[in-house]
Amino acid sequence: MATRGAELKRTAKLPSHLRRLFWEYDFARLSWRTDRDLIMGRILAEGHWEAIRWLRRKVSAEDLRDWIIACRGRGLDPRRLRFFELIFDLPHRQVNAWLADPSRRVWEGR
């Protein structure tokens, strides 16, 4: 049975159903190994259910939670951030603080 690391190396290219999420990139050049943060952020922010399921097979819930915390929820609209708060048991007060940050309002009002 292959290890998770070996599986990631074999499947460094992205599945075609993710192509529409990365319209402004050369999709063939995107790789899980080199573009992990970009891919995670885009899928969490804009991904459809199939994309989220694919991401969950690649990354543990704990890793996704840690990534969202490290990014302070940046790139996630309030609705998605609240959803992930529940799914990944993010600290409620911390999420409130991220959403109250004045720098977020620039993008939310567009």
PDB file of N, CA and C in Angstrom:
ATOM      1  N   MET A   1       0.853  -1.188   0.000  1.00  0.00           N
ATOM      2  CA  MET A   1       0.000   0.000   0.000  1.00  0.00           C
ATOM      3  C   MET A   1       0.895   1.246   0.000  1.00  0.00           C
ATOM      4  N   ALA A   2       0.605   2.178  -0.875  1.00  0.00           N
ATOM      5  CA  ALA A   2       1.424   3.383  -1.007  1.00  0.00           C
ATOM      6  C   ALA A   2       1.169   4.326   0.158  1.00  0.00           C
ATOM      7  N   THR A   3       2.195   5.052   0.538  1.00  0.00           N
ATOM      8  CA  THR A   3       2.037   6.051   1.593  1.00  0.00           C
ATOM      9  C   THR A   3       1.416   7.303   0.997  1.00  0.00           C
ATOM     10  N   ARG A   4       0.917   8.167   1.859  1.00  0.00           N
ATOM     11  CA  ARG A   4       0.299   9.410   1.391  1.00  0.00           C
ATOM     12  C   ARG A   4       1.313  10.272   0.629  1.00  0.00           C
ATOM     13  N   GLY A   5       2.565  10.322   1.113  1.00  0.00           N
ATOM     14  CA  GLY A   5       3.603  11.096   0.437  1.00  0.00           C
ATOM     15  C   GLY A   5       3.886  10.569  -0.950  1.00  0.00           C
ATOM     16  N   ALA A   6       3.947   9.256  -1.085  1.00  0.00           N
ATOM     17  CA  ALA A   6       4.179   8.660  -2.399  1.00  0.00           C
ATOM     18  C   ALA A   6       3.004   8.953  -3.322  1.00  0.00           C
ATOM     19  N   GLU A   7       1.783   8.925  -2.783  1.00  0.00           N
ATOM     20  CA  GLU A   7       0.599   9.225  -3.578  1.00  0.00           C
ATOM     21  C   GLU A   7       0.658  10.653  -4.101  1.00  0.00           C
ATOM     22  N   LEU A   8       1.064  11.603  -3.254  1.00  0.00           N
ATOM     23  CA  LEU A   8       1.160  12.999  -3.679  1.00  0.00           C
ATOM     24  C   LEU A   8       2.185  13.165  -4.787  1.00  0.00           C
ATOM     25  N   LYS A   9       3.290  12.439  -4.706  1.00  0.00           N
ATOM     26  CA  LYS A   9       4.311  12.554  -5.748  1.00  0.00           C
ATOM     27  C   LYS A   9       3.796  12.029  -7.080  1.00  0.00           C
ATOM     28  N   ARG A  10       3.030  10.952  -7.036  1.00  0.00           N
ATOM     29  CA  ARG A  10       2.487  10.378  -8.271  1.00  0.00           C
ATOM     30  C   ARG A  10       1.409  11.268  -8.867  1.00  0.00           C
ATOM     31  N   THR A  11       0.713  12.028  -8.056  1.00  0.00           N
ATOM     32  CA  THR A  11      -0.415  12.815  -8.533  1.00  0.00           C
ATOM     33  C   THR A  11      -0.153  14.311  -8.358  1.00  0.00           C
ATOM     34  N   ALA A  12       1.013  14.759  -8.761  1.00  0.00           N
ATOM     35  CA  ALA A  12       1.378  16.162  -8.596  1.00  0.00           C
ATOM     36  C   ALA A  12       0.545  17.071  -9.493  1.00  0.00           C
ATOM     37  N   LYS A  13       0.104  16.593 -10.646  1.00  0.00           N
ATOM     38  CA  LYS A  13      -0.731  17.399 -11.532  1.00  0.00           C
ATOM     39  C   LYS A  13      -2.160  17.405 -11.015  1.00  0.00           C
ATOM     40  N   LEU A  14      -2.867  18.458 -11.348  1.00  0.00           N
ATOM     41  CA  LEU A  14      -4.230  18.626 -10.854  1.00  0.00           C
ATOM     42  C   LEU A  14      -5.245  17.954 -11.768  1.00  0.00           C
ATOM     43  N   PRO A  15      -6.351  17.468 -11.197  1.00  0.00           N
ATOM     44  CA  PRO A  15      -7.398  16.882 -12.034  1.00  0.00           C
ATOM     45  C   PRO A  15      -8.091  17.953 -12.877  1.00  0.00           C
ATOM     46  N   SER A  16      -8.569  17.560 -14.023  1.00  0.00           N
ATOM     47  CA  SER A  16      -9.137  18.518 -14.975  1.00  0.00           C
ATOM     48  C   SER A  16     -10.367  19.248 -14.442  1.00  0.00           C
ATOM     49  N   HIS A  17     -11.106  18.651 -13.503  1.00  0.00           N
ATOM     50  CA  HIS A  17     -12.308  19.324 -13.007  1.00  0.00           C
ATOM     51  C   HIS A  17     -11.974  20.591 -12.204  1.00  0.00           C
ATOM     52  N   LEU A  18     -10.697  20.800 -11.883  1.00  0.00           N
ATOM     53  CA  LEU A  18     -10.292  22.018 -11.175  1.00  0.00           C
ATOM     54  C   LEU A  18      -9.923  23.156 -12.129  1.00  0.00           C
ATOM     55  N   ARG A  19      -9.826  22.871 -13.399  1.00  0.00           N
ATOM     56  CA  ARG A  19      -9.348  23.844 -14.389  1.00  0.00           C
ATOM     57  C   ARG A  19     -10.096  25.174 -14.306  1.00  0.00           C
ATOM     58  N   ARG A  20     -11.408  25.151 -14.176  1.00  0.00           N
ATOM     59  CA  ARG A  20     -12.176  26.404 -14.197  1.00  0.00           C
ATOM     60  C   ARG A  20     -11.866  27.319 -13.013  1.00  0.00           C
ATOM     61  N   LEU A  21     -11.308  26.764 -11.939  1.00  0.00           N
ATOM     62  CA  LEU A  21     -10.945  27.577 -10.780  1.00  0.00           C
ATOM     63  C   LEU A  21      -9.656  28.367 -11.003  1.00  0.00           C
ATOM     64  N   PHE A  22      -8.883  27.951 -11.983  1.00  0.00           N
ATOM     65  CA  PHE A  22      -7.565  28.556 -12.225  1.00  0.00           C
ATOM     66  C   PHE A  22      -7.484  29.120 -13.644  1.00  0.00           C
ATOM     67  N   TRP A  23      -8.515  29.814 -14.042  1.00  0.00           N
ATOM     68  CA  TRP A  23      -8.638  30.325 -15.402  1.00  0.00           C
ATOM     69  C   TRP A  23      -7.507  31.256 -15.796  1.00  0.00           C
ATOM     70  N   GLU A  24      -6.913  31.980 -14.834  1.00  0.00           N
ATOM     71  CA  GLU A  24      -5.878  32.960 -15.175  1.00  0.00           C
ATOM     72  C   GLU A  24      -4.465  32.380 -15.124  1.00  0.00           C
ATOM     73  N   TYR A  25      -4.352  31.097 -14.858  1.00  0.00           N
ATOM     74  CA  TYR A  25      -3.056  30.419 -14.782  1.00  0.00           C
ATOM     75  C   TYR A  25      -2.912  29.421 -15.922  1.00  0.00           C
ATOM     76  N   ASP A  26      -1.675  29.089 -16.231  1.00  0.00           N
ATOM     77  CA  ASP A  26      -1.412  27.997 -17.157  1.00  0.00           C
ATOM     78  C   ASP A  26      -1.667  26.711 -16.373  1.00  0.00           C
ATOM     79  N   PHE A  27      -2.848  26.162 -16.541  1.00  0.00           N
ATOM     80  CA  PHE A  27      -3.291  25.041 -15.717  1.00  0.00           C
ATOM     81  C   PHE A  27      -2.341  23.849 -15.798  1.00  0.00           C
ATOM     82  N   ALA A  28      -1.797  23.588 -16.952  1.00  0.00           N
ATOM     83  CA  ALA A  28      -0.897  22.444 -17.134  1.00  0.00           C
ATOM     84  C   ALA A  28       0.381  22.594 -16.303  1.00  0.00           C
ATOM     85  N   ARG A  29       0.738  23.804 -15.953  1.00  0.00           N
ATOM     86  CA  ARG A  29       1.964  24.026 -15.182  1.00  0.00           C
ATOM     87  C   ARG A  29       1.744  24.034 -13.674  1.00  0.00           C
ATOM     88  N   LEU A  30       0.493  24.073 -13.242  1.00  0.00           N
ATOM     89  CA  LEU A  30       0.207  24.038 -11.809  1.00  0.00           C
ATOM     90  C   LEU A  30       0.485  22.641 -11.266  1.00  0.00           C
ATOM     91  N   SER A  31       1.055  22.613 -10.079  1.00  0.00           N
ATOM     92  CA  SER A  31       1.407  21.345  -9.455  1.00  0.00           C
ATOM     93  C   SER A  31       1.109  21.419  -7.972  1.00  0.00           C
ATOM     94  N   TRP A  32       0.594  20.340  -7.425  1.00  0.00           N
ATOM     95  CA  TRP A  32       0.322  20.287  -5.998  1.00  0.00           C
ATOM     96  C   TRP A  32       1.588  20.557  -5.201  1.00  0.00           C
ATOM     97  N   ARG A  33       2.699  19.996  -5.623  1.00  0.00           N
ATOM     98  CA  ARG A  33       3.958  20.162  -4.881  1.00  0.00           C
ATOM     99  C   ARG A  33       4.425  21.601  -4.842  1.00  0.00           C
ATOM    100  N   THR A  34       4.309  22.313  -5.937  1.00  0.00           N
ATOM    101  CA  THR A  34       4.878  23.664  -5.992  1.00  0.00           C
ATOM    102  C   THR A  34       3.858  24.781  -5.744  1.00  0.00           C
ATOM    103  N   ASP A  35       2.589  24.494  -5.925  1.00  0.00           N
ATOM    104  CA  ASP A  35       1.564  25.531  -5.826  1.00  0.00           C
ATOM    105  C   ASP A  35       0.501  25.207  -4.775  1.00  0.00           C
ATOM    106  N   ARG A  36       0.890  24.497  -3.756  1.00  0.00           N
ATOM    107  CA  ARG A  36      -0.042  23.996  -2.739  1.00  0.00           C
ATOM    108  C   ARG A  36      -0.876  25.108  -2.094  1.00  0.00           C
ATOM    109  N   ASP A  37      -0.247  26.187  -1.668  1.00  0.00           N
ATOM    110  CA  ASP A  37      -0.980  27.266  -0.999  1.00  0.00           C
ATOM    111  C   ASP A  37      -1.986  27.936  -1.934  1.00  0.00           C
ATOM    112  N   LEU A  38      -1.570  28.192  -3.147  1.00  0.00           N
ATOM    113  CA  LEU A  38      -2.467  28.776  -4.136  1.00  0.00           C
ATOM    114  C   LEU A  38      -3.675  27.869  -4.363  1.00  0.00           C
ATOM    115  N   ILE A  39      -3.417  26.598  -4.552  1.00  0.00           N
ATOM    116  CA  ILE A  39      -4.476  25.630  -4.833  1.00  0.00           C
ATOM    117  C   ILE A  39      -5.436  25.507  -3.650  1.00  0.00           C
ATOM    118  N   MET A  40      -4.891  25.386  -2.459  1.00  0.00           N
ATOM    119  CA  MET A  40      -5.745  25.280  -1.276  1.00  0.00           C
ATOM    120  C   MET A  40      -6.614  26.528  -1.125  1.00  0.00           C
ATOM    121  N   GLY A  41      -5.997  27.685  -1.239  1.00  0.00           N
ATOM    122  CA  GLY A  41      -6.739  28.930  -1.080  1.00  0.00           C
ATOM    123  C   GLY A  41      -7.840  29.088  -2.097  1.00  0.00           C
ATOM    124  N   ARG A  42      -7.536  28.787  -3.340  1.00  0.00           N
ATOM    125  CA  ARG A  42      -8.545  28.942  -4.396  1.00  0.00           C
ATOM    126  C   ARG A  42      -9.700  27.967  -4.213  1.00  0.00           C
ATOM    127  N   ILE A  43      -9.379  26.725  -3.874  1.00  0.00           N
ATOM    128  CA  ILE A  43     -10.441  25.736  -3.677  1.00  0.00           C
ATOM    129  C   ILE A  43     -11.301  26.109  -2.474  1.00  0.00           C
ATOM    130  N   LEU A  44     -10.681  26.510  -1.382  1.00  0.00           N
ATOM    131  CA  LEU A  44     -11.461  26.898  -0.210  1.00  0.00           C
ATOM    132  C   LEU A  44     -12.319  28.133  -0.491  1.00  0.00           C
ATOM    133  N   ALA A  45     -11.799  29.066  -1.271  1.00  0.00           N
ATOM    134  CA  ALA A  45     -12.515  30.314  -1.534  1.00  0.00           C
ATOM    135  C   ALA A  45     -13.603  30.179  -2.591  1.00  0.00           C
ATOM    136  N   GLU A  46     -13.353  29.364  -3.611  1.00  0.00           N
ATOM    137  CA  GLU A  46     -14.259  29.355  -4.758  1.00  0.00           C
ATOM    138  C   GLU A  46     -14.654  27.971  -5.238  1.00  0.00           C
ATOM    139  N   GLY A  47     -14.131  26.956  -4.596  1.00  0.00           N
ATOM    140  CA  GLY A  47     -14.327  25.602  -5.093  1.00  0.00           C
ATOM    141  C   GLY A  47     -15.727  25.068  -4.962  1.00  0.00           C
ATOM    142  N   HIS A  48     -16.099  24.265  -5.931  1.00  0.00           N
ATOM    143  CA  HIS A  48     -17.362  23.545  -5.916  1.00  0.00           C
ATOM    144  C   HIS A  48     -17.188  22.294  -5.055  1.00  0.00           C
ATOM    145  N   TRP A  49     -18.267  21.588  -4.830  1.00  0.00           N
ATOM    146  CA  TRP A  49     -18.241  20.447  -3.906  1.00  0.00           C
ATOM    147  C   TRP A  49     -17.215  19.395  -4.321  1.00  0.00           C
ATOM    148  N   GLU A  50     -17.127  19.089  -5.597  1.00  0.00           N
ATOM    149  CA  GLU A  50     -16.161  18.093  -6.062  1.00  0.00           C
ATOM    150  C   GLU A  50     -14.724  18.538  -5.768  1.00  0.00           C
ATOM    151  N   ALA A  51     -14.458  19.822  -5.926  1.00  0.00           N
ATOM    152  CA  ALA A  51     -13.120  20.353  -5.639  1.00  0.00           C
ATOM    153  C   ALA A  51     -12.804  20.252  -4.152  1.00  0.00           C
ATOM    154  N   ILE A  52     -13.767  20.582  -3.321  1.00  0.00           N
ATOM    155  CA  ILE A  52     -13.568  20.476  -1.865  1.00  0.00           C
ATOM    156  C   ILE A  52     -13.300  19.025  -1.484  1.00  0.00           C
ATOM    157  N   ARG A  53     -14.051  18.105  -2.058  1.00  0.00           N
ATOM    158  CA  ARG A  53     -13.845  16.680  -1.762  1.00  0.00           C
ATOM    159  C   ARG A  53     -12.446  16.235  -2.186  1.00  0.00           C
ATOM    160  N   TRP A  54     -11.993  16.701  -3.348  1.00  0.00           N
ATOM    161  CA  TRP A  54     -10.644  16.361  -3.814  1.00  0.00           C
ATOM    162  C   TRP A  54      -9.605  16.894  -2.819  1.00  0.00           C
ATOM    163  N   LEU A  55      -9.792  18.137  -2.397  1.00  0.00           N
ATOM    164  CA  LEU A  55      -8.855  18.741  -1.446  1.00  0.00           C
ATOM    165  C   LEU A  55      -8.832  17.965  -0.137  1.00  0.00           C
ATOM    166  N   ARG A  56      -9.971  17.540   0.341  1.00  0.00           N
ATOM    167  CA  ARG A  56     -10.035  16.776   1.597  1.00  0.00           C
ATOM    168  C   ARG A  56      -9.333  15.431   1.483  1.00  0.00           C
ATOM    169  N   ARG A  57      -9.253  14.881   0.292  1.00  0.00           N
ATOM    170  CA  ARG A  57      -8.494  13.637   0.112  1.00  0.00           C
ATOM    171  C   ARG A  57      -6.988  13.915   0.135  1.00  0.00           C
ATOM    172  N   LYS A  58      -6.598  15.115  -0.225  1.00  0.00           N
ATOM    173  CA  LYS A  58      -5.186  15.493  -0.266  1.00  0.00           C
ATOM    174  C   LYS A  58      -4.662  15.964   1.082  1.00  0.00           C
ATOM    175  N   VAL A  59      -5.504  16.662   1.837  1.00  0.00           N
ATOM    176  CA  VAL A  59      -5.059  17.347   3.049  1.00  0.00           C
ATOM    177  C   VAL A  59      -5.979  16.968   4.207  1.00  0.00           C
ATOM    178  N   SER A  60      -5.393  16.737   5.340  1.00  0.00           N
ATOM    179  CA  SER A  60      -6.198  16.403   6.519  1.00  0.00           C
ATOM    180  C   SER A  60      -6.985  17.625   6.995  1.00  0.00           C
ATOM    181  N   ALA A  61      -8.036  17.370   7.746  1.00  0.00           N
ATOM    182  CA  ALA A  61      -8.836  18.458   8.317  1.00  0.00           C
ATOM    183  C   ALA A  61      -7.961  19.338   9.206  1.00  0.00           C
ATOM    184  N   GLU A  62      -7.067  18.721   9.940  1.00  0.00           N
ATOM    185  CA  GLU A  62      -6.176  19.490  10.823  1.00  0.00           C
ATOM    186  C   GLU A  62      -5.257  20.411  10.021  1.00  0.00           C
ATOM    187  N   ASP A  63      -4.723  19.920   8.910  1.00  0.00           N
ATOM    188  CA  ASP A  63      -3.863  20.753   8.072  1.00  0.00           C
ATOM    189  C   ASP A  63      -4.644  21.915   7.454  1.00  0.00           C
ATOM    190  N   LEU A  64      -5.868  21.650   7.022  1.00  0.00           N
ATOM    191  CA  LEU A  64      -6.693  22.729   6.471  1.00  0.00           C
ATOM    192  C   LEU A  64      -7.016  23.764   7.544  1.00  0.00           C
ATOM    193  N   ARG A  65      -7.327  23.287   8.714  1.00  0.00           N
ATOM    194  CA  ARG A  65      -7.606  24.188   9.849  1.00  0.00           C
ATOM    195  C   ARG A  65      -6.386  25.058  10.131  1.00  0.00           C
ATOM    196  N   ASP A  66      -5.223  24.440  10.213  1.00  0.00           N
ATOM    197  CA  ASP A  66      -3.986  25.186  10.480  1.00  0.00           C
ATOM    198  C   ASP A  66      -3.708  26.202   9.380  1.00  0.00           C
ATOM    199  N   TRP A  67      -3.995  25.833   8.134  1.00  0.00           N
ATOM    200  CA  TRP A  67      -3.754  26.730   7.009  1.00  0.00           C
ATOM    201  C   TRP A  67      -4.671  27.953   7.105  1.00  0.00           C
ATOM    202  N   ILE A  68      -5.931  27.724   7.404  1.00  0.00           N
ATOM    203  CA  ILE A  68      -6.878  28.840   7.535  1.00  0.00           C
ATOM    204  C   ILE A  68      -6.459  29.759   8.681  1.00  0.00           C
ATOM    205  N   ILE A  69      -6.034  29.189   9.786  1.00  0.00           N
ATOM    206  CA  ILE A  69      -5.588  29.994  10.923  1.00  0.00           C
ATOM    207  C   ILE A  69      -4.339  30.792  10.554  1.00  0.00           C
ATOM    208  N   ALA A  70      -3.392  30.154   9.906  1.00  0.00           N
ATOM    209  CA  ALA A  70      -2.156  30.847   9.511  1.00  0.00           C
ATOM    210  C   ALA A  70      -2.451  32.007   8.552  1.00  0.00           C
ATOM    211  N   CYS A  71      -3.442  31.836   7.684  1.00  0.00           N
ATOM    212  CA  CYS A  71      -3.814  32.885   6.729  1.00  0.00           C
ATOM    213  C   CYS A  71      -4.832  33.863   7.296  1.00  0.00           C
ATOM    214  N   ARG A  72      -5.279  33.602   8.517  1.00  0.00           N
ATOM    215  CA  ARG A  72      -6.282  34.444   9.175  1.00  0.00           C
ATOM    216  C   ARG A  72      -7.557  34.571   8.346  1.00  0.00           C
ATOM    217  N   GLY A  73      -7.881  33.508   7.616  1.00  0.00           N
ATOM    218  CA  GLY A  73      -9.100  33.488   6.817  1.00  0.00           C
ATOM    219  C   GLY A  73      -9.072  34.362   5.588  1.00  0.00           C
ATOM    220  N   ARG A  74      -7.905  34.917   5.253  1.00  0.00           N
ATOM    221  CA  ARG A  74      -7.807  35.802   4.085  1.00  0.00           C
ATOM    222  C   ARG A  74      -8.217  35.060   2.823  1.00  0.00           C
ATOM    223  N   GLY A  75      -8.954  35.764   1.978  1.00  0.00           N
ATOM    224  CA  GLY A  75      -9.400  35.186   0.722  1.00  0.00           C
ATOM    225  C   GLY A  75     -10.745  34.478   0.821  1.00  0.00           C
ATOM    226  N   LEU A  76     -11.199  34.232   2.034  1.00  0.00           N
ATOM    227  CA  LEU A  76     -12.485  33.565   2.227  1.00  0.00           C
ATOM    228  C   LEU A  76     -13.550  34.604   2.557  1.00  0.00           C
ATOM    229  N   ASP A  77     -14.651  34.572   1.820  1.00  0.00           N
ATOM    230  CA  ASP A  77     -15.713  35.521   2.146  1.00  0.00           C
ATOM    231  C   ASP A  77     -16.325  35.129   3.490  1.00  0.00           C
ATOM    232  N   PRO A  78     -17.018  36.049   4.135  1.00  0.00           N
ATOM    233  CA  PRO A  78     -17.547  35.770   5.481  1.00  0.00           C
ATOM    234  C   PRO A  78     -18.410  34.513   5.555  1.00  0.00           C
ATOM    235  N   ARG A  79     -19.199  34.288   4.539  1.00  0.00           N
ATOM    236  CA  ARG A  79     -20.080  33.112   4.545  1.00  0.00           C
ATOM    237  C   ARG A  79     -19.275  31.812   4.554  1.00  0.00           C
ATOM    238  N   ARG A  80     -18.281  31.727   3.680  1.00  0.00           N
ATOM    239  CA  ARG A  80     -17.445  30.516   3.644  1.00  0.00           C
ATOM    240  C   ARG A  80     -16.614  30.392   4.914  1.00  0.00           C
ATOM    241  N   LEU A  81     -16.106  31.503   5.398  1.00  0.00           N
ATOM    242  CA  LEU A  81     -15.298  31.451   6.613  1.00  0.00           C
ATOM    243  C   LEU A  81     -16.130  30.943   7.787  1.00  0.00           C
ATOM    244  N   ARG A  82     -17.364  31.388   7.896  1.00  0.00           N
ATOM    245  CA  ARG A  82     -18.242  30.887   8.967  1.00  0.00           C
ATOM    246  C   ARG A  82     -18.529  29.394   8.788  1.00  0.00           C
ATOM    247  N   PHE A  83     -18.699  28.969   7.544  1.00  0.00           N
ATOM    248  CA  PHE A  83     -18.904  27.546   7.272  1.00  0.00           C
ATOM    249  C   PHE A  83     -17.696  26.739   7.740  1.00  0.00           C
ATOM    250  N   PHE A  84     -16.498  27.187   7.342  1.00  0.00           N
ATOM    251  CA  PHE A  84     -15.278  26.462   7.733  1.00  0.00           C
ATOM    252  C   PHE A  84     -15.022  26.569   9.232  1.00  0.00           C
ATOM    253  N   GLU A  85     -15.493  27.648   9.844  1.00  0.00           N
ATOM    254  CA  GLU A  85     -15.389  27.757  11.302  1.00  0.00           C
ATOM    255  C   GLU A  85     -16.084  26.564  11.957  1.00  0.00           C
ATOM    256  N   LEU A  86     -17.247  26.231  11.456  1.00  0.00           N
ATOM    257  CA  LEU A  86     -17.994  25.094  12.000  1.00  0.00           C
ATOM    258  C   LEU A  86     -17.364  23.756  11.621  1.00  0.00           C
ATOM    259  N   ILE A  87     -17.001  23.613  10.376  1.00  0.00           N
ATOM    260  CA  ILE A  87     -16.474  22.338   9.875  1.00  0.00           C
ATOM    261  C   ILE A  87     -15.143  21.989  10.534  1.00  0.00           C
ATOM    262  N   PHE A  88     -14.258  22.981  10.662  1.00  0.00           N
ATOM    263  CA  PHE A  88     -12.908  22.729  11.177  1.00  0.00           C
ATOM    264  C   PHE A  88     -12.720  23.180  12.617  1.00  0.00           C
ATOM    265  N   ASP A  89     -13.814  23.530  13.280  1.00  0.00           N
ATOM    266  CA  ASP A  89     -13.774  23.928  14.687  1.00  0.00           C
ATOM    267  C   ASP A  89     -12.753  25.049  14.922  1.00  0.00           C
ATOM    268  N   LEU A  90     -12.867  26.090  14.102  1.00  0.00           N
ATOM    269  CA  LEU A  90     -11.996  27.259  14.260  1.00  0.00           C
ATOM    270  C   LEU A  90     -12.443  28.050  15.485  1.00  0.00           C
ATOM    271  N   PRO A  91     -11.520  28.711  16.166  1.00  0.00           N
ATOM    272  CA  PRO A  91     -11.881  29.504  17.349  1.00  0.00           C
ATOM    273  C   PRO A  91     -12.816  30.660  16.968  1.00  0.00           C
ATOM    274  N   HIS A  92     -14.006  30.661  17.536  1.00  0.00           N
ATOM    275  CA  HIS A  92     -15.041  31.642  17.188  1.00  0.00           C
ATOM    276  C   HIS A  92     -14.569  33.083  17.374  1.00  0.00           C
ATOM    277  N   ARG A  93     -13.944  33.368  18.491  1.00  0.00           N
ATOM    278  CA  ARG A  93     -13.464  34.742  18.738  1.00  0.00           C
ATOM    279  C   ARG A  93     -12.416  35.165  17.714  1.00  0.00           C
ATOM    280  N   GLN A  94     -11.584  34.212  17.341  1.00  0.00           N
ATOM    281  CA  GLN A  94     -10.553  34.514  16.347  1.00  0.00           C
ATOM    282  C   GLN A  94     -11.198  34.824  14.994  1.00  0.00           C
ATOM    283  N   VAL A  95     -12.183  34.043  14.596  1.00  0.00           N
ATOM    284  CA  VAL A  95     -12.877  34.292  13.333  1.00  0.00           C
ATOM    285  C   VAL A  95     -13.589  35.643  13.387  1.00  0.00           C
ATOM    286  N   ASN A  96     -14.212  35.954  14.493  1.00  0.00           N
ATOM    287  CA  ASN A  96     -14.849  37.271  14.651  1.00  0.00           C
ATOM    288  C   ASN A  96     -13.834  38.396  14.456  1.00  0.00           C
ATOM    289  N   ALA A  97     -12.655  38.225  15.033  1.00  0.00           N
ATOM    290  CA  ALA A  97     -11.606  39.251  14.913  1.00  0.00           C
ATOM    291  C   ALA A  97     -11.144  39.380  13.465  1.00  0.00           C
ATOM    292  N   TRP A  98     -10.988  38.265  12.776  1.00  0.00           N
ATOM    293  CA  TRP A  98     -10.589  38.327  11.367  1.00  0.00           C
ATOM    294  C   TRP A  98     -11.634  39.077  10.552  1.00  0.00           C
ATOM    295  N   LEU A  99     -12.902  38.775  10.797  1.00  0.00           N
ATOM    296  CA  LEU A  99     -13.973  39.409  10.031  1.00  0.00           C
ATOM    297  C   LEU A  99     -14.128  40.891  10.370  1.00  0.00           C
ATOM    298  N   ALA A 100     -13.750  41.283  11.569  1.00  0.00           N
ATOM    299  CA  ALA A 100     -13.846  42.684  11.984  1.00  0.00           C
ATOM    300  C   ALA A 100     -12.650  43.515  11.527  1.00  0.00           C
ATOM    301  N   ASP A 101     -11.619  42.876  11.050  1.00  0.00           N
ATOM    302  CA  ASP A 101     -10.408  43.578  10.616  1.00  0.00           C
ATOM    303  C   ASP A 101     -10.764  44.559   9.488  1.00  0.00           C
ATOM    304  N   PRO A 102     -10.460  45.841   9.668  1.00  0.00           N
ATOM    305  CA  PRO A 102     -10.806  46.842   8.656  1.00  0.00           C
ATOM    306  C   PRO A 102     -10.224  46.563   7.268  1.00  0.00           C
ATOM    307  N   SER A 103      -9.110  45.885   7.194  1.00  0.00           N
ATOM    308  CA  SER A 103      -8.509  45.613   5.881  1.00  0.00           C
ATOM    309  C   SER A 103      -9.378  44.675   5.040  1.00  0.00           C
ATOM    310  N   ARG A 104     -10.230  43.882   5.657  1.00  0.00           N
ATOM    311  CA  ARG A 104     -11.134  42.992   4.915  1.00  0.00           C
ATOM    312  C   ARG A 104     -12.234  43.776   4.219  1.00  0.00           C
ATOM    313  N   ARG A 105     -12.627  44.883   4.787  1.00  0.00           N
ATOM    314  CA  ARG A 105     -13.773  45.633   4.267  1.00  0.00           C
ATOM    315  C   ARG A 105     -13.521  46.204   2.877  1.00  0.00           C
ATOM    316  N   VAL A 106     -12.279  46.404   2.541  1.00  0.00           N
ATOM    317  CA  VAL A 106     -11.960  46.918   1.205  1.00  0.00           C
ATOM    318  C   VAL A 106     -12.485  45.948   0.149  1.00  0.00           C
ATOM    319  N   TRP A 107     -12.270  44.663   0.358  1.00  0.00           N
ATOM    320  CA  TRP A 107     -12.669  43.656  -0.622  1.00  0.00           C
ATOM    321  C   TRP A 107     -14.125  43.269  -0.506  1.00  0.00           C
ATOM    322  N   GLU A 108     -14.669  43.286   0.690  1.00  0.00           N
ATOM    323  CA  GLU A 108     -16.052  42.847   0.870  1.00  0.00           C
ATOM    324  C   GLU A 108     -17.060  43.828   0.291  1.00  0.00           C
ATOM    325  N   GLY A 109     -16.670  45.092   0.170  1.00  0.00           N
ATOM    326  CA  GLY A 109     -17.589  46.082  -0.351  1.00  0.00           C
ATOM    327  C   GLY A 109     -17.574  46.219  -1.860  1.00  0.00           C
ATOM    328  N   ARG A 110     -16.780  45.424  -2.538  1.00  0.00           N
ATOM    329  CA  ARG A 110     -16.675  45.575  -3.991  1.00  0.00           C
ATOM    330  C   ARG A 110     -17.827  44.977  -4.714  1.00  0.00           C
TER     331      ARG A 110
END
